[in-house]
Amino acid sequence: MYPAELTAPMQSDLTDYGFEALNTADSVKHTLDNKEGTVLVVVNSVCGCAAANARPGAKIAVQNDKKPDKLTTVFAGVDREAVNTARGYMLPYPPSSPSIALFKDGRLVHFLERHHIEGRSADVIAENLKMAFDQHC
């Protein structure tokens, strides 16, 4: 587990932009068990590709005309139960951080694993997400 003083700025990078931090297993279940609407879940990380690509890409993507009804984030290495619970909803994909998942009506419809994020610019990640938003939101 990472110390809060290290991860707080990384967490607030998304929460200050309107993403809700899901810090408990119950908050993840409550959000993802909802069978109506769309939910974006960013699995945040201290990994360099999260800072350089995933978080900025997600923030750019949600400026799209069509966007998810709910923006959320869980933090790998910080909120273990919340992350493990979220990853259960992301099956059959293996655990990956950072990663970004889009749910529609309680079903996973789009997923970016770490290998889709690593080495790609924030703009490329945003374009991928915008296409998913246009299709599902």
N, C-alpha and C. Protein backbone atom coordinates (compact mmCIF):
# COMPACT_ATOMS: atom_id res chain seq x y z
N MET A 1 0.83 -1.18 0.00
CA MET A 1 0.00 0.00 0.00
C MET A 1 0.88 1.25 0.00
N TYR A 2 0.47 2.21 -0.78
CA TYR A 2 1.24 3.44 -0.90
C TYR A 2 0.77 4.47 0.14
N PRO A 3 1.67 5.30 0.61
CA PRO A 3 1.28 6.34 1.57
C PRO A 3 0.38 7.38 0.92
N ALA A 4 -0.60 7.87 1.68
CA ALA A 4 -1.58 8.83 1.17
C ALA A 4 -0.92 10.10 0.64
N GLU A 5 0.15 10.54 1.28
CA GLU A 5 0.78 11.78 0.82
C GLU A 5 1.40 11.63 -0.58
N LEU A 6 1.73 10.41 -0.95
CA LEU A 6 2.24 10.15 -2.30
C LEU A 6 1.11 10.10 -3.31
N THR A 7 0.02 9.46 -2.96
CA THR A 7 -1.04 9.19 -3.93
C THR A 7 -2.12 10.27 -3.99
N ALA A 8 -2.23 11.11 -2.98
CA ALA A 8 -3.29 12.12 -2.95
C ALA A 8 -3.29 13.02 -4.19
N PRO A 9 -2.15 13.53 -4.65
CA PRO A 9 -2.17 14.36 -5.86
C PRO A 9 -2.61 13.57 -7.10
N MET A 10 -2.25 12.29 -7.15
CA MET A 10 -2.65 11.46 -8.29
C MET A 10 -4.14 11.18 -8.26
N GLN A 11 -4.67 11.00 -7.06
CA GLN A 11 -6.11 10.78 -6.89
C GLN A 11 -6.87 12.05 -7.26
N SER A 12 -6.39 13.18 -6.75
CA SER A 12 -7.10 14.44 -7.00
C SER A 12 -7.00 14.89 -8.45
N ASP A 13 -6.03 14.37 -9.19
CA ASP A 13 -5.93 14.67 -10.62
C ASP A 13 -7.23 14.29 -11.32
N LEU A 14 -7.88 13.22 -10.86
CA LEU A 14 -9.16 12.80 -11.42
C LEU A 14 -10.35 13.34 -10.63
N THR A 15 -10.29 13.27 -9.31
CA THR A 15 -11.44 13.71 -8.52
C THR A 15 -11.70 15.21 -8.66
N ASP A 16 -10.66 16.00 -8.82
CA ASP A 16 -10.84 17.43 -9.04
C ASP A 16 -11.47 17.71 -10.41
N TYR A 17 -11.47 16.70 -11.26
CA TYR A 17 -12.02 16.83 -12.61
C TYR A 17 -13.42 16.21 -12.71
N GLY A 18 -13.97 15.79 -11.58
CA GLY A 18 -15.33 15.28 -11.57
C GLY A 18 -15.48 13.78 -11.44
N PHE A 19 -14.38 13.06 -11.32
CA PHE A 19 -14.44 11.61 -11.12
C PHE A 19 -14.69 11.34 -9.64
N GLU A 20 -15.59 10.40 -9.36
CA GLU A 20 -15.86 10.02 -7.97
C GLU A 20 -14.92 8.89 -7.57
N ALA A 21 -14.23 9.07 -6.46
CA ALA A 21 -13.36 8.02 -5.93
C ALA A 21 -14.21 6.96 -5.25
N LEU A 22 -14.07 5.73 -5.70
CA LEU A 22 -14.75 4.60 -5.06
C LEU A 22 -13.71 3.93 -4.17
N ASN A 23 -13.84 4.11 -2.87
CA ASN A 23 -12.81 3.67 -1.94
C ASN A 23 -13.12 2.38 -1.22
N THR A 24 -14.34 1.87 -1.38
CA THR A 24 -14.73 0.65 -0.68
C THR A 24 -15.36 -0.33 -1.65
N ALA A 25 -15.36 -1.59 -1.25
CA ALA A 25 -16.02 -2.62 -2.07
C ALA A 25 -17.50 -2.29 -2.22
N ASP A 26 -18.13 -1.83 -1.15
CA ASP A 26 -19.56 -1.51 -1.21
C ASP A 26 -19.85 -0.37 -2.18
N SER A 27 -18.99 0.65 -2.22
CA SER A 27 -19.23 1.76 -3.14
C SER A 27 -19.08 1.29 -4.59
N VAL A 28 -18.15 0.38 -4.86
CA VAL A 28 -18.00 -0.18 -6.20
C VAL A 28 -19.24 -0.99 -6.57
N LYS A 29 -19.68 -1.86 -5.67
CA LYS A 29 -20.87 -2.68 -5.93
C LYS A 29 -22.09 -1.81 -6.17
N HIS A 30 -22.28 -0.83 -5.32
CA HIS A 30 -23.44 0.06 -5.45
C HIS A 30 -23.44 0.73 -6.83
N THR A 31 -22.27 1.16 -7.28
CA THR A 31 -22.16 1.85 -8.57
C THR A 31 -22.30 0.89 -9.74
N LEU A 32 -21.61 -0.23 -9.71
CA LEU A 32 -21.58 -1.12 -10.88
C LEU A 32 -22.74 -2.10 -10.93
N ASP A 33 -23.46 -2.27 -9.84
CA ASP A 33 -24.65 -3.11 -9.88
C ASP A 33 -25.84 -2.38 -10.48
N ASN A 34 -25.70 -1.08 -10.68
CA ASN A 34 -26.77 -0.30 -11.31
C ASN A 34 -26.91 -0.75 -12.76
N LYS A 35 -28.08 -1.14 -13.15
CA LYS A 35 -28.30 -1.70 -14.49
C LYS A 35 -28.79 -0.66 -15.49
N GLU A 36 -28.72 0.61 -15.13
CA GLU A 36 -29.14 1.66 -16.05
C GLU A 36 -28.04 2.70 -16.20
N GLY A 37 -27.76 3.07 -17.44
CA GLY A 37 -26.80 4.12 -17.70
C GLY A 37 -25.39 3.61 -17.92
N THR A 38 -24.49 4.56 -18.06
CA THR A 38 -23.09 4.25 -18.35
C THR A 38 -22.19 4.74 -17.23
N VAL A 39 -21.14 3.95 -16.97
CA VAL A 39 -20.18 4.27 -15.91
C VAL A 39 -18.77 4.05 -16.46
N LEU A 40 -17.91 5.03 -16.30
CA LEU A 40 -16.50 4.90 -16.63
C LEU A 40 -15.74 4.66 -15.34
N VAL A 41 -14.87 3.65 -15.33
CA VAL A 41 -14.03 3.37 -14.17
C VAL A 41 -12.58 3.44 -14.60
N VAL A 42 -11.84 4.37 -14.03
CA VAL A 42 -10.41 4.47 -14.27
C VAL A 42 -9.71 3.79 -13.09
N VAL A 43 -8.94 2.73 -13.39
CA VAL A 43 -8.12 2.11 -12.36
C VAL A 43 -6.83 2.92 -12.34
N ASN A 44 -6.74 3.81 -11.38
CA ASN A 44 -5.62 4.72 -11.24
C ASN A 44 -4.42 3.96 -10.68
N SER A 45 -3.25 4.53 -10.85
CA SER A 45 -2.02 3.85 -10.47
C SER A 45 -0.91 4.87 -10.26
N VAL A 46 0.12 4.48 -9.53
CA VAL A 46 1.30 5.33 -9.40
C VAL A 46 2.24 5.15 -10.59
N CYS A 47 1.92 4.21 -11.44
CA CYS A 47 2.71 3.92 -12.63
C CYS A 47 2.87 5.18 -13.48
N GLY A 48 4.02 5.36 -14.07
CA GLY A 48 4.28 6.51 -14.92
C GLY A 48 3.33 6.64 -16.08
N CYS A 49 2.86 5.50 -16.62
CA CYS A 49 1.95 5.60 -17.76
C CYS A 49 0.57 6.07 -17.33
N ALA A 50 0.24 5.92 -16.04
CA ALA A 50 -1.03 6.47 -15.55
C ALA A 50 -0.97 7.99 -15.57
N ALA A 51 0.14 8.52 -15.10
CA ALA A 51 0.29 9.97 -15.04
C ALA A 51 0.46 10.57 -16.43
N ALA A 52 1.26 9.94 -17.23
CA ALA A 52 1.58 10.50 -18.54
C ALA A 52 0.49 10.27 -19.57
N ASN A 53 -0.29 9.19 -19.42
CA ASN A 53 -1.21 8.82 -20.49
C ASN A 53 -2.65 8.60 -20.03
N ALA A 54 -2.86 7.74 -19.05
CA ALA A 54 -4.21 7.30 -18.69
C ALA A 54 -5.05 8.43 -18.10
N ARG A 55 -4.56 9.08 -17.06
CA ARG A 55 -5.36 10.14 -16.44
C ARG A 55 -5.62 11.29 -17.41
N PRO A 56 -4.61 11.81 -18.08
CA PRO A 56 -4.90 12.88 -19.04
C PRO A 56 -5.81 12.41 -20.19
N GLY A 57 -5.63 11.19 -20.64
CA GLY A 57 -6.48 10.66 -21.71
C GLY A 57 -7.94 10.59 -21.29
N ALA A 58 -8.17 10.12 -20.07
CA ALA A 58 -9.54 10.04 -19.56
C ALA A 58 -10.15 11.44 -19.44
N LYS A 59 -9.36 12.40 -18.96
CA LYS A 59 -9.87 13.76 -18.79
C LYS A 59 -10.18 14.40 -20.14
N ILE A 60 -9.37 14.15 -21.13
CA ILE A 60 -9.65 14.68 -22.48
C ILE A 60 -10.91 14.02 -23.03
N ALA A 61 -11.03 12.72 -22.86
CA ALA A 61 -12.16 11.97 -23.43
C ALA A 61 -13.50 12.45 -22.89
N VAL A 62 -13.56 12.79 -21.62
CA VAL A 62 -14.86 13.16 -21.05
C VAL A 62 -15.28 14.57 -21.45
N GLN A 63 -14.49 15.26 -22.26
CA GLN A 63 -14.90 16.52 -22.85
C GLN A 63 -15.73 16.29 -24.11
N ASN A 64 -15.84 15.02 -24.53
CA ASN A 64 -16.62 14.62 -25.70
C ASN A 64 -18.09 14.99 -25.51
N ASP A 65 -18.80 15.23 -26.62
CA ASP A 65 -20.24 15.52 -26.52
C ASP A 65 -20.99 14.39 -25.83
N LYS A 66 -20.69 13.17 -26.23
CA LYS A 66 -21.28 12.00 -25.57
C LYS A 66 -20.26 11.50 -24.56
N LYS A 67 -20.73 11.29 -23.34
CA LYS A 67 -19.83 10.80 -22.30
C LYS A 67 -20.63 9.98 -21.30
N PRO A 68 -19.96 9.21 -20.48
CA PRO A 68 -20.66 8.37 -19.51
C PRO A 68 -21.47 9.20 -18.51
N ASP A 69 -22.52 8.56 -18.00
CA ASP A 69 -23.37 9.21 -17.00
C ASP A 69 -22.60 9.43 -15.69
N LYS A 70 -21.71 8.51 -15.39
CA LYS A 70 -20.99 8.55 -14.11
C LYS A 70 -19.51 8.31 -14.38
N LEU A 71 -18.67 9.14 -13.78
CA LEU A 71 -17.21 9.03 -13.90
C LEU A 71 -16.67 8.61 -12.54
N THR A 72 -15.92 7.51 -12.51
CA THR A 72 -15.42 6.99 -11.24
C THR A 72 -13.96 6.57 -11.37
N THR A 73 -13.34 6.36 -10.22
CA THR A 73 -11.97 5.89 -10.19
C THR A 73 -11.73 5.04 -8.94
N VAL A 74 -10.92 4.04 -9.09
CA VAL A 74 -10.40 3.26 -7.97
C VAL A 74 -8.88 3.34 -8.08
N PHE A 75 -8.18 3.19 -6.95
CA PHE A 75 -6.73 3.39 -6.97
C PHE A 75 -6.01 2.12 -6.58
N ALA A 76 -5.31 1.51 -7.55
CA ALA A 76 -4.52 0.30 -7.31
C ALA A 76 -3.40 0.61 -6.33
N GLY A 77 -3.21 -0.28 -5.37
CA GLY A 77 -2.17 -0.10 -4.38
C GLY A 77 -2.57 0.81 -3.24
N VAL A 78 -3.83 1.27 -3.26
CA VAL A 78 -4.32 2.15 -2.21
C VAL A 78 -5.58 1.56 -1.58
N ASP A 79 -6.59 1.38 -2.41
CA ASP A 79 -7.88 0.87 -1.95
C ASP A 79 -8.07 -0.56 -2.44
N ARG A 80 -7.38 -1.47 -1.80
CA ARG A 80 -7.30 -2.86 -2.27
C ARG A 80 -8.67 -3.50 -2.48
N GLU A 81 -9.56 -3.40 -1.49
CA GLU A 81 -10.87 -4.04 -1.61
C GLU A 81 -11.68 -3.45 -2.76
N ALA A 82 -11.65 -2.14 -2.89
CA ALA A 82 -12.39 -1.48 -3.97
C ALA A 82 -11.84 -1.91 -5.33
N VAL A 83 -10.53 -1.95 -5.46
CA VAL A 83 -9.92 -2.34 -6.73
C VAL A 83 -10.23 -3.80 -7.04
N ASN A 84 -10.08 -4.67 -6.08
CA ASN A 84 -10.37 -6.09 -6.31
C ASN A 84 -11.82 -6.31 -6.70
N THR A 85 -12.71 -5.58 -6.06
CA THR A 85 -14.14 -5.70 -6.40
C THR A 85 -14.38 -5.19 -7.82
N ALA A 86 -13.81 -4.05 -8.17
CA ALA A 86 -13.97 -3.51 -9.53
C ALA A 86 -13.41 -4.48 -10.56
N ARG A 87 -12.27 -5.06 -10.26
CA ARG A 87 -11.67 -6.01 -11.21
C ARG A 87 -12.55 -7.24 -11.42
N GLY A 88 -13.32 -7.61 -10.42
CA GLY A 88 -14.26 -8.71 -10.58
C GLY A 88 -15.30 -8.41 -11.64
N TYR A 89 -15.68 -7.16 -11.77
CA TYR A 89 -16.64 -6.75 -12.80
C TYR A 89 -15.97 -6.66 -14.17
N MET A 90 -14.65 -6.60 -14.20
CA MET A 90 -13.90 -6.43 -15.45
C MET A 90 -13.46 -7.75 -16.07
N LEU A 91 -13.83 -8.85 -15.44
CA LEU A 91 -13.50 -10.16 -16.00
C LEU A 91 -14.14 -10.31 -17.37
N PRO A 92 -13.52 -10.97 -18.31
CA PRO A 92 -12.42 -11.92 -18.18
C PRO A 92 -11.03 -11.30 -18.30
N TYR A 93 -10.96 -9.96 -18.29
CA TYR A 93 -9.66 -9.31 -18.41
C TYR A 93 -8.86 -9.51 -17.12
N PRO A 94 -7.56 -9.76 -17.25
CA PRO A 94 -6.73 -9.92 -16.05
C PRO A 94 -6.51 -8.57 -15.38
N PRO A 95 -6.13 -8.57 -14.10
CA PRO A 95 -5.84 -7.31 -13.41
C PRO A 95 -4.81 -6.48 -14.18
N SER A 96 -5.09 -5.20 -14.28
CA SER A 96 -4.24 -4.33 -15.06
C SER A 96 -4.35 -2.92 -14.47
N SER A 97 -3.21 -2.31 -14.22
CA SER A 97 -3.26 -0.93 -13.78
C SER A 97 -2.09 -0.17 -14.39
N PRO A 98 -2.39 0.97 -14.95
CA PRO A 98 -3.72 1.52 -15.05
C PRO A 98 -4.57 0.77 -16.08
N SER A 99 -5.87 0.97 -16.01
CA SER A 99 -6.80 0.48 -17.00
C SER A 99 -8.04 1.34 -16.94
N ILE A 100 -8.86 1.23 -17.99
CA ILE A 100 -10.07 2.04 -18.06
C ILE A 100 -11.20 1.17 -18.60
N ALA A 101 -12.32 1.15 -17.87
CA ALA A 101 -13.45 0.31 -18.24
C ALA A 101 -14.70 1.16 -18.42
N LEU A 102 -15.49 0.81 -19.42
CA LEU A 102 -16.78 1.46 -19.65
C LEU A 102 -17.86 0.40 -19.50
N PHE A 103 -18.83 0.70 -18.64
CA PHE A 103 -19.96 -0.19 -18.40
C PHE A 103 -21.23 0.48 -18.91
N LYS A 104 -22.10 -0.32 -19.51
CA LYS A 104 -23.41 0.17 -19.94
C LYS A 104 -24.46 -0.77 -19.40
N ASP A 105 -25.41 -0.22 -18.69
CA ASP A 105 -26.50 -1.01 -18.12
C ASP A 105 -25.97 -2.22 -17.35
N GLY A 106 -24.88 -2.00 -16.61
CA GLY A 106 -24.31 -3.04 -15.77
C GLY A 106 -23.42 -4.04 -16.47
N ARG A 107 -23.14 -3.81 -17.75
CA ARG A 107 -22.33 -4.76 -18.53
C ARG A 107 -21.08 -4.06 -19.05
N LEU A 108 -19.94 -4.73 -18.95
CA LEU A 108 -18.68 -4.19 -19.48
C LEU A 108 -18.76 -4.17 -21.01
N VAL A 109 -18.58 -2.98 -21.60
CA VAL A 109 -18.69 -2.86 -23.06
C VAL A 109 -17.39 -2.40 -23.72
N HIS A 110 -16.44 -1.88 -22.94
CA HIS A 110 -15.17 -1.42 -23.52
C HIS A 110 -14.12 -1.44 -22.42
N PHE A 111 -12.91 -1.87 -22.79
CA PHE A 111 -11.86 -1.97 -21.77
C PHE A 111 -10.51 -1.68 -22.39
N LEU A 112 -9.77 -0.80 -21.74
CA LEU A 112 -8.39 -0.53 -22.13
C LEU A 112 -7.48 -1.10 -21.05
N GLU A 113 -6.70 -2.09 -21.42
CA GLU A 113 -5.73 -2.66 -20.50
C GLU A 113 -4.46 -1.81 -20.53
N ARG A 114 -3.58 -2.08 -19.59
CA ARG A 114 -2.32 -1.34 -19.50
C ARG A 114 -1.58 -1.36 -20.84
N HIS A 115 -1.57 -2.51 -21.53
CA HIS A 115 -0.82 -2.55 -22.79
C HIS A 115 -1.47 -1.71 -23.90
N HIS A 116 -2.73 -1.30 -23.72
CA HIS A 116 -3.37 -0.37 -24.66
C HIS A 116 -3.03 1.08 -24.30
N ILE A 117 -2.53 1.28 -23.09
CA ILE A 117 -2.25 2.62 -22.58
C ILE A 117 -0.75 2.94 -22.68
N GLU A 118 0.05 1.99 -22.26
CA GLU A 118 1.50 2.16 -22.22
C GLU A 118 2.05 2.49 -23.62
N GLY A 119 2.83 3.56 -23.70
CA GLY A 119 3.46 3.92 -24.97
C GLY A 119 2.55 4.68 -25.92
N ARG A 120 1.31 4.95 -25.50
CA ARG A 120 0.39 5.71 -26.33
C ARG A 120 0.16 7.07 -25.68
N SER A 121 -0.06 8.05 -26.52
CA SER A 121 -0.26 9.40 -25.99
C SER A 121 -1.65 9.53 -25.36
N ALA A 122 -1.80 10.54 -24.55
CA ALA A 122 -3.11 10.83 -23.96
C ALA A 122 -4.15 11.07 -25.03
N ASP A 123 -3.76 11.71 -26.13
CA ASP A 123 -4.71 11.99 -27.21
C ASP A 123 -5.19 10.70 -27.88
N VAL A 124 -4.29 9.75 -28.08
CA VAL A 124 -4.68 8.46 -28.69
C VAL A 124 -5.63 7.71 -27.76
N ILE A 125 -5.33 7.71 -26.47
CA ILE A 125 -6.21 7.06 -25.49
C ILE A 125 -7.57 7.75 -25.49
N ALA A 126 -7.57 9.07 -25.51
CA ALA A 126 -8.82 9.83 -25.51
C ALA A 126 -9.65 9.51 -26.76
N GLU A 127 -9.02 9.42 -27.90
CA GLU A 127 -9.76 9.11 -29.13
C GLU A 127 -10.39 7.72 -29.05
N ASN A 128 -9.66 6.76 -28.50
CA ASN A 128 -10.20 5.42 -28.32
C ASN A 128 -11.45 5.48 -27.43
N LEU A 129 -11.34 6.19 -26.32
CA LEU A 129 -12.48 6.30 -25.40
C LEU A 129 -13.64 7.07 -26.03
N LYS A 130 -13.35 8.12 -26.76
CA LYS A 130 -14.42 8.89 -27.40
C LYS A 130 -15.21 8.03 -28.38
N MET A 131 -14.52 7.16 -29.11
CA MET A 131 -15.24 6.25 -30.02
C MET A 131 -16.17 5.33 -29.23
N ALA A 132 -15.69 4.84 -28.09
CA ALA A 132 -16.53 3.99 -27.25
C ALA A 132 -17.71 4.79 -26.68
N PHE A 133 -17.46 6.03 -26.28
CA PHE A 133 -18.54 6.88 -25.76
C PHE A 133 -19.59 7.12 -26.85
N ASP A 134 -19.13 7.42 -28.07
CA ASP A 134 -20.06 7.68 -29.17
C ASP A 134 -20.94 6.46 -29.46
N GLN A 135 -20.37 5.29 -29.28
CA GLN A 135 -21.11 4.06 -29.54
C GLN A 135 -22.04 3.67 -28.39
N HIS A 136 -21.62 3.88 -27.17
CA HIS A 136 -22.36 3.32 -26.03
C HIS A 136 -23.06 4.34 -25.12
N CYS A 137 -22.72 5.61 -25.24
CA CYS A 137 -23.31 6.60 -24.32
C CYS A 137 -24.44 7.39 -24.99
